[in-house]
């Protein structure tokens, strides 16, 4: 697939609305032109919103989703055979915190390892 221009509901910032890799994609309900994505596709909300790209991040091996997903959203991912992992963190906007490809990832320092997190600390 080559580079294409697209807008979703009049918004050209489609990175807020989908997460895709060479193997799999998560798109919001009613996302048009899914046929342009030559991947496994899951059509679902994430964290009860259409801002799927804001709340997810990953590559062709795995897509990370926040633990704020609903049971129905989890079922949609499982039924679509999308490889995903639920990340337990206060920082739910994973698309703003992680950029990844097949070679590696850049991860915000705000996403601490759970074992290193101090449960008594508060964040500003």
C-alpha atoms as a PDB file:
ATOM      1  CA  UNK A   1       0.000   0.000   0.000  1.00  0.00           C
ATOM      2  CA  UNK A   2       1.344   3.408  -0.910  1.00  0.00           C
ATOM      3  CA  UNK A   3       0.876   6.671   0.926  1.00  0.00           C
ATOM      4  CA  UNK A   4      -2.718   7.856   0.822  1.00  0.00           C
ATOM      5  CA  UNK A   5      -4.560  10.919   2.070  1.00  0.00           C
ATOM      6  CA  UNK A   6      -7.668  10.436   4.130  1.00  0.00           C
ATOM      7  CA  UNK A   7      -9.879  12.177   6.631  1.00  0.00           C
ATOM      8  CA  UNK A   8     -12.217  10.672   9.175  1.00  0.00           C
ATOM      9  CA  UNK A   9     -15.379  12.586   9.912  1.00  0.00           C
ATOM     10  CA  UNK A  10     -13.787  15.689   8.422  1.00  0.00           C
ATOM     11  CA  UNK A  11     -10.614  15.363  10.512  1.00  0.00           C
ATOM     12  CA  UNK A  12      -7.281  14.837   8.735  1.00  0.00           C
ATOM     13  CA  UNK A  13      -5.548  13.898  12.023  1.00  0.00           C
ATOM     14  CA  UNK A  14      -6.333  10.225  11.541  1.00  0.00           C
ATOM     15  CA  UNK A  15      -3.581   9.152  13.951  1.00  0.00           C
ATOM     16  CA  UNK A  16      -6.022   9.926  16.749  1.00  0.00           C
ATOM     17  CA  UNK A  17      -8.518   7.537  15.231  1.00  0.00           C
ATOM     18  CA  UNK A  18      -6.619   4.366  14.341  1.00  0.00           C
ATOM     19  CA  UNK A  19      -3.585   2.283  15.112  1.00  0.00           C
ATOM     20  CA  UNK A  20      -2.156   0.222  12.297  1.00  0.00           C
ATOM     21  CA  UNK A  21       0.913  -1.776  11.406  1.00  0.00           C
ATOM     22  CA  UNK A  22       1.836  -4.062   8.538  1.00  0.00           C
ATOM     23  CA  UNK A  23      -0.014  -6.914  10.254  1.00  0.00           C
ATOM     24  CA  UNK A  24      -2.950  -5.527  12.246  1.00  0.00           C
ATOM     25  CA  UNK A  25      -5.125  -2.484  12.759  1.00  0.00           C
ATOM     26  CA  UNK A  26      -7.621  -1.177  15.280  1.00  0.00           C
ATOM     27  CA  UNK A  27     -10.162   1.274  13.870  1.00  0.00           C
ATOM     28  CA  UNK A  28     -13.255   2.940  15.342  1.00  0.00           C
ATOM     29  CA  UNK A  29     -16.747   1.856  14.301  1.00  0.00           C
ATOM     30  CA  UNK A  30     -17.886   3.185  10.935  1.00  0.00           C
ATOM     31  CA  UNK A  31     -14.301   3.875   9.787  1.00  0.00           C
ATOM     32  CA  UNK A  32     -14.444   3.983   5.985  1.00  0.00           C
ATOM     33  CA  UNK A  33     -11.863   2.564   3.567  1.00  0.00           C
ATOM     34  CA  UNK A  34     -10.946  -0.393   5.794  1.00  0.00           C
ATOM     35  CA  UNK A  35     -10.359  -2.249   2.525  1.00  0.00           C
ATOM     36  CA  UNK A  36      -7.268  -0.047   2.036  1.00  0.00           C
ATOM     37  CA  UNK A  37      -5.701  -1.689   5.095  1.00  0.00           C
ATOM     38  CA  UNK A  38      -4.187  -5.039   4.091  1.00  0.00           C
ATOM     39  CA  UNK A  39      -4.121  -6.298   7.691  1.00  0.00           C
ATOM     40  CA  UNK A  40      -6.157  -8.032  10.381  1.00  0.00           C
ATOM     41  CA  UNK A  41      -8.694  -5.409  11.451  1.00  0.00           C
ATOM     42  CA  UNK A  42     -10.614  -4.905  14.650  1.00  0.00           C
ATOM     43  CA  UNK A  43     -13.420  -2.373  14.543  1.00  0.00           C
ATOM     44  CA  UNK A  44     -14.079  -1.205  18.101  1.00  0.00           C
ATOM     45  CA  UNK A  45     -14.116   1.671  20.521  1.00  0.00           C
ATOM     46  CA  UNK A  46     -11.219   1.914  22.986  1.00  0.00           C
ATOM     47  CA  UNK A  47     -11.924   3.378  26.426  1.00  0.00           C
ATOM     48  CA  UNK A  48     -15.456   4.088  25.169  1.00  0.00           C
ATOM     49  CA  UNK A  49     -14.222   6.533  22.522  1.00  0.00           C
ATOM     50  CA  UNK A  50     -13.506   6.639  18.790  1.00  0.00           C
ATOM     51  CA  UNK A  51     -10.023   7.989  19.584  1.00  0.00           C
ATOM     52  CA  UNK A  52      -8.485   4.552  19.105  1.00  0.00           C
ATOM     53  CA  UNK A  53      -5.085   5.903  18.039  1.00  0.00           C
ATOM     54  CA  UNK A  54      -4.850   8.105  21.104  1.00  0.00           C
ATOM     55  CA  UNK A  55      -5.338   5.176  23.475  1.00  0.00           C
ATOM     56  CA  UNK A  56      -3.315   2.455  21.681  1.00  0.00           C
ATOM     57  CA  UNK A  57       0.242   1.933  20.470  1.00  0.00           C
ATOM     58  CA  UNK A  58       2.207  -0.933  19.030  1.00  0.00           C
ATOM     59  CA  UNK A  59       3.645  -2.707  16.036  1.00  0.00           C
ATOM     60  CA  UNK A  60       2.902  -5.836  14.003  1.00  0.00           C
ATOM     61  CA  UNK A  61       3.731  -8.076  16.962  1.00  0.00           C
ATOM     62  CA  UNK A  62       1.462  -6.546  19.574  1.00  0.00           C
ATOM     63  CA  UNK A  63      -0.760  -3.562  20.253  1.00  0.00           C
ATOM     64  CA  UNK A  64      -0.903  -2.120  23.748  1.00  0.00           C
ATOM     65  CA  UNK A  65      -4.245  -0.993  25.126  1.00  0.00           C
ATOM     66  CA  UNK A  66      -5.019   0.712  28.451  1.00  0.00           C
ATOM     67  CA  UNK A  67      -6.761  -1.136  31.251  1.00  0.00           C
ATOM     68  CA  UNK A  68      -9.629   1.320  30.860  1.00  0.00           C
ATOM     69  CA  UNK A  69     -10.994  -0.762  27.976  1.00  0.00           C
ATOM     70  CA  UNK A  70     -14.395  -2.294  28.554  1.00  0.00           C
ATOM     71  CA  UNK A  71     -15.163  -5.995  28.559  1.00  0.00           C
ATOM     72  CA  UNK A  72     -16.933  -5.580  25.210  1.00  0.00           C
ATOM     73  CA  UNK A  73     -13.890  -3.836  23.682  1.00  0.00           C
ATOM     74  CA  UNK A  74     -11.662  -6.663  24.936  1.00  0.00           C
ATOM     75  CA  UNK A  75     -14.040  -9.198  23.366  1.00  0.00           C
ATOM     76  CA  UNK A  76     -13.908  -7.307  20.054  1.00  0.00           C
ATOM     77  CA  UNK A  77     -10.096  -7.459  20.087  1.00  0.00           C
ATOM     78  CA  UNK A  78     -10.084 -11.149  20.968  1.00  0.00           C
ATOM     79  CA  UNK A  79     -12.686 -12.014  18.312  1.00  0.00           C
ATOM     80  CA  UNK A  80     -10.645 -10.164  15.671  1.00  0.00           C
ATOM     81  CA  UNK A  81      -7.490 -12.147  16.497  1.00  0.00           C
ATOM     82  CA  UNK A  82      -5.586  -8.938  17.162  1.00  0.00           C
ATOM     83  CA  UNK A  83      -2.437  -9.521  19.222  1.00  0.00           C
ATOM     84  CA  UNK A  84      -2.807  -7.125  22.134  1.00  0.00           C
ATOM     85  CA  UNK A  85      -1.699  -6.627  25.704  1.00  0.00           C
ATOM     86  CA  UNK A  86      -3.489  -4.648  28.402  1.00  0.00           C
ATOM     87  CA  UNK A  87      -1.131  -2.172  30.051  1.00  0.00           C
ATOM     88  CA  UNK A  88      -1.936  -1.273  33.655  1.00  0.00           C
ATOM     89  CA  UNK A  89      -0.959   2.368  34.077  1.00  0.00           C
ATOM     90  CA  UNK A  90      -2.480   5.702  34.989  1.00  0.00           C
ATOM     91  CA  UNK A  91      -1.285   7.091  31.664  1.00  0.00           C
ATOM     92  CA  UNK A  92      -4.028   5.811  29.387  1.00  0.00           C
ATOM     93  CA  UNK A  93      -3.180   7.861  26.261  1.00  0.00           C
ATOM     94  CA  UNK A  94      -0.651   5.271  25.097  1.00  0.00           C
ATOM     95  CA  UNK A  95      -0.565   6.712  21.579  1.00  0.00           C
ATOM     96  CA  UNK A  96       0.902   9.882  23.100  1.00  0.00           C
ATOM     97  CA  UNK A  97       3.348   7.963  25.298  1.00  0.00           C
ATOM     98  CA  UNK A  98       4.770   5.324  22.924  1.00  0.00           C
ATOM     99  CA  UNK A  99       6.054   5.316  19.366  1.00  0.00           C
ATOM    100  CA  UNK A 100       7.065   1.898  18.064  1.00  0.00           C
ATOM    101  CA  UNK A 101       8.074   0.071  14.924  1.00  0.00           C
ATOM    102  CA  UNK A 102       9.665  -3.295  14.182  1.00  0.00           C
ATOM    103  CA  UNK A 103      13.112  -2.100  15.277  1.00  0.00           C
ATOM    104  CA  UNK A 104      12.277  -0.663  18.687  1.00  0.00           C
ATOM    105  CA  UNK A 105      10.266   1.865  20.617  1.00  0.00           C
ATOM    106  CA  UNK A 106      10.546   5.222  22.319  1.00  0.00           C
ATOM    107  CA  UNK A 107       8.585   5.171  25.558  1.00  0.00           C
ATOM    108  CA  UNK A 108       7.749   8.106  27.795  1.00  0.00           C
ATOM    109  CA  UNK A 109       9.348   8.091  31.225  1.00  0.00           C
ATOM    110  CA  UNK A 110       5.838   8.615  32.581  1.00  0.00           C
ATOM    111  CA  UNK A 111       5.149   4.939  31.860  1.00  0.00           C
ATOM    112  CA  UNK A 112       6.932   3.375  34.791  1.00  0.00           C
ATOM    113  CA  UNK A 113       7.355  -0.329  35.338  1.00  0.00           C
ATOM    114  CA  UNK A 114       4.631  -1.414  37.805  1.00  0.00           C
ATOM    115  CA  UNK A 115       7.216  -2.905  40.179  1.00  0.00           C
ATOM    116  CA  UNK A 116       9.018   0.464  40.361  1.00  0.00           C
ATOM    117  CA  UNK A 117       5.889   2.497  40.994  1.00  0.00           C
ATOM    118  CA  UNK A 118       5.398   3.892  44.483  1.00  0.00           C
ATOM    119  CA  UNK A 119       1.697   3.400  45.277  1.00  0.00           C
ATOM    120  CA  UNK A 120       1.790   6.236  47.815  1.00  0.00           C
ATOM    121  CA  UNK A 121       3.177   8.781  45.372  1.00  0.00           C
ATOM    122  CA  UNK A 122       0.949  11.181  43.506  1.00  0.00           C
ATOM    123  CA  UNK A 123       1.512  12.610  40.060  1.00  0.00           C
ATOM    124  CA  UNK A 124       1.017  16.183  39.003  1.00  0.00           C
END
